Amino acid sequence: MNINFKKIISRSIYFLSILAAVFLLSVLMNGMWLVGLPKEEDVERAEISYQSLSGEIKSFNDERNIELAVSLSNFLKYVPFKSTDA
């Protein structure tokens, strides 16, 4: 019984380490979805700017544009070690 338990623990640790390595490699290569973004009802205002096109910042308070901004933020990814094109 004790030998079987040690084999199970050993194989579980091996499997979890392989799984963690694959996950880390995937995040480093493809990026990771942003988590913890606010819900639509928690947002009062959305500000949008595109510095290379113009320096102006647009601010939206209406419900339709806030809904659109929150929906679009779900497509954002964080890619570690990637430089911006600025």
Protein backbone atom coordinates (compact mmCIF):
# COMPACT_ATOMS: atom_id res chain seq x y z
CA MET A 1 0.00 0.00 0.00
CA ASN A 2 2.74 2.44 0.90
CA ILE A 3 4.65 1.80 -2.34
CA ASN A 4 1.55 2.37 -4.48
CA PHE A 5 0.79 5.60 -2.66
CA LYS A 6 4.33 6.88 -3.29
CA LYS A 7 4.01 6.00 -7.00
CA ILE A 8 0.73 7.87 -7.25
CA ILE A 9 2.18 10.94 -5.52
CA SER A 10 5.32 10.82 -7.66
CA ARG A 11 3.38 10.55 -10.92
CA SER A 12 0.97 13.28 -9.84
CA ILE A 13 3.83 15.68 -9.12
CA TYR A 14 5.42 14.80 -12.47
CA PHE A 15 2.11 15.36 -14.31
CA LEU A 16 1.44 18.68 -12.55
CA SER A 17 4.94 19.96 -13.30
CA ILE A 18 4.53 19.12 -17.00
CA LEU A 19 1.12 20.80 -17.00
CA ALA A 20 2.55 23.94 -15.35
CA ALA A 21 5.43 24.08 -17.85
CA VAL A 22 3.05 23.82 -20.82
CA PHE A 23 0.79 26.52 -19.35
CA LEU A 24 3.74 28.85 -18.73
CA LEU A 25 5.09 28.31 -22.25
CA SER A 26 1.65 28.99 -23.71
CA VAL A 27 1.32 32.26 -21.76
CA LEU A 28 4.79 33.40 -22.81
CA MET A 29 4.14 32.67 -26.49
CA ASN A 30 0.46 33.57 -26.95
CA GLY A 31 -0.32 35.85 -24.05
CA MET A 32 -3.05 35.63 -21.48
CA TRP A 33 -6.57 37.02 -21.33
CA LEU A 34 -7.05 39.89 -18.93
CA VAL A 35 -8.92 38.95 -15.78
CA GLY A 36 -10.66 41.10 -13.22
CA LEU A 37 -12.16 43.56 -15.69
CA PRO A 38 -15.14 45.53 -14.35
CA LYS A 39 -18.70 44.60 -15.15
CA GLU A 40 -20.81 46.91 -17.28
CA GLU A 41 -22.91 48.15 -14.37
CA ASP A 42 -19.74 49.13 -12.45
CA VAL A 43 -18.46 51.43 -15.23
CA GLU A 44 -19.47 55.10 -15.16
CA ARG A 45 -17.34 56.44 -18.01
CA ALA A 46 -15.11 55.09 -20.79
CA GLU A 47 -12.11 57.01 -22.12
CA ILE A 48 -10.47 56.14 -25.43
CA SER A 49 -7.23 57.51 -26.82
CA TYR A 50 -4.93 56.62 -29.69
CA GLN A 51 -1.72 58.54 -29.17
CA SER A 52 -0.08 57.93 -32.54
CA LEU A 53 -3.14 59.15 -34.46
CA SER A 54 -4.12 62.16 -32.37
CA GLY A 55 -3.51 63.32 -28.84
CA GLU A 56 -7.16 63.83 -27.97
CA ILE A 57 -8.95 61.65 -25.43
CA LYS A 58 -12.61 60.83 -26.07
CA SER A 59 -14.86 60.23 -23.10
CA PHE A 60 -18.22 58.45 -23.25
CA ASN A 61 -20.93 58.44 -20.59
CA ASP A 62 -23.85 56.91 -22.50
CA GLU A 63 -24.92 53.34 -21.83
CA ARG A 64 -24.45 52.06 -25.40
CA ASN A 65 -20.79 53.13 -25.68
CA ILE A 66 -19.99 51.88 -22.17
CA GLU A 67 -21.47 48.50 -23.09
CA LEU A 68 -19.36 48.47 -26.27
CA ALA A 69 -16.18 49.41 -24.39
CA VAL A 70 -16.67 46.68 -21.78
CA SER A 71 -17.40 44.11 -24.51
CA LEU A 72 -14.30 45.11 -26.47
CA SER A 73 -12.10 44.90 -23.39
CA ASN A 74 -12.85 41.17 -23.19
CA PHE A 75 -10.74 40.67 -26.33
CA LEU A 76 -7.60 42.21 -24.83
CA LYS A 77 -4.59 40.01 -24.07
CA TYR A 78 -1.49 40.60 -22.00
CA VAL A 79 1.65 39.30 -23.73
CA PRO A 80 4.72 39.35 -21.45
CA PHE A 81 8.02 40.64 -22.85
CA LYS A 82 6.40 42.03 -26.01
CA SER A 83 7.32 45.58 -26.89
CA THR A 84 4.79 48.11 -28.12
CA ASP A 85 4.90 49.52 -31.64
CA ALA A 86 5.01 53.12 -30.45
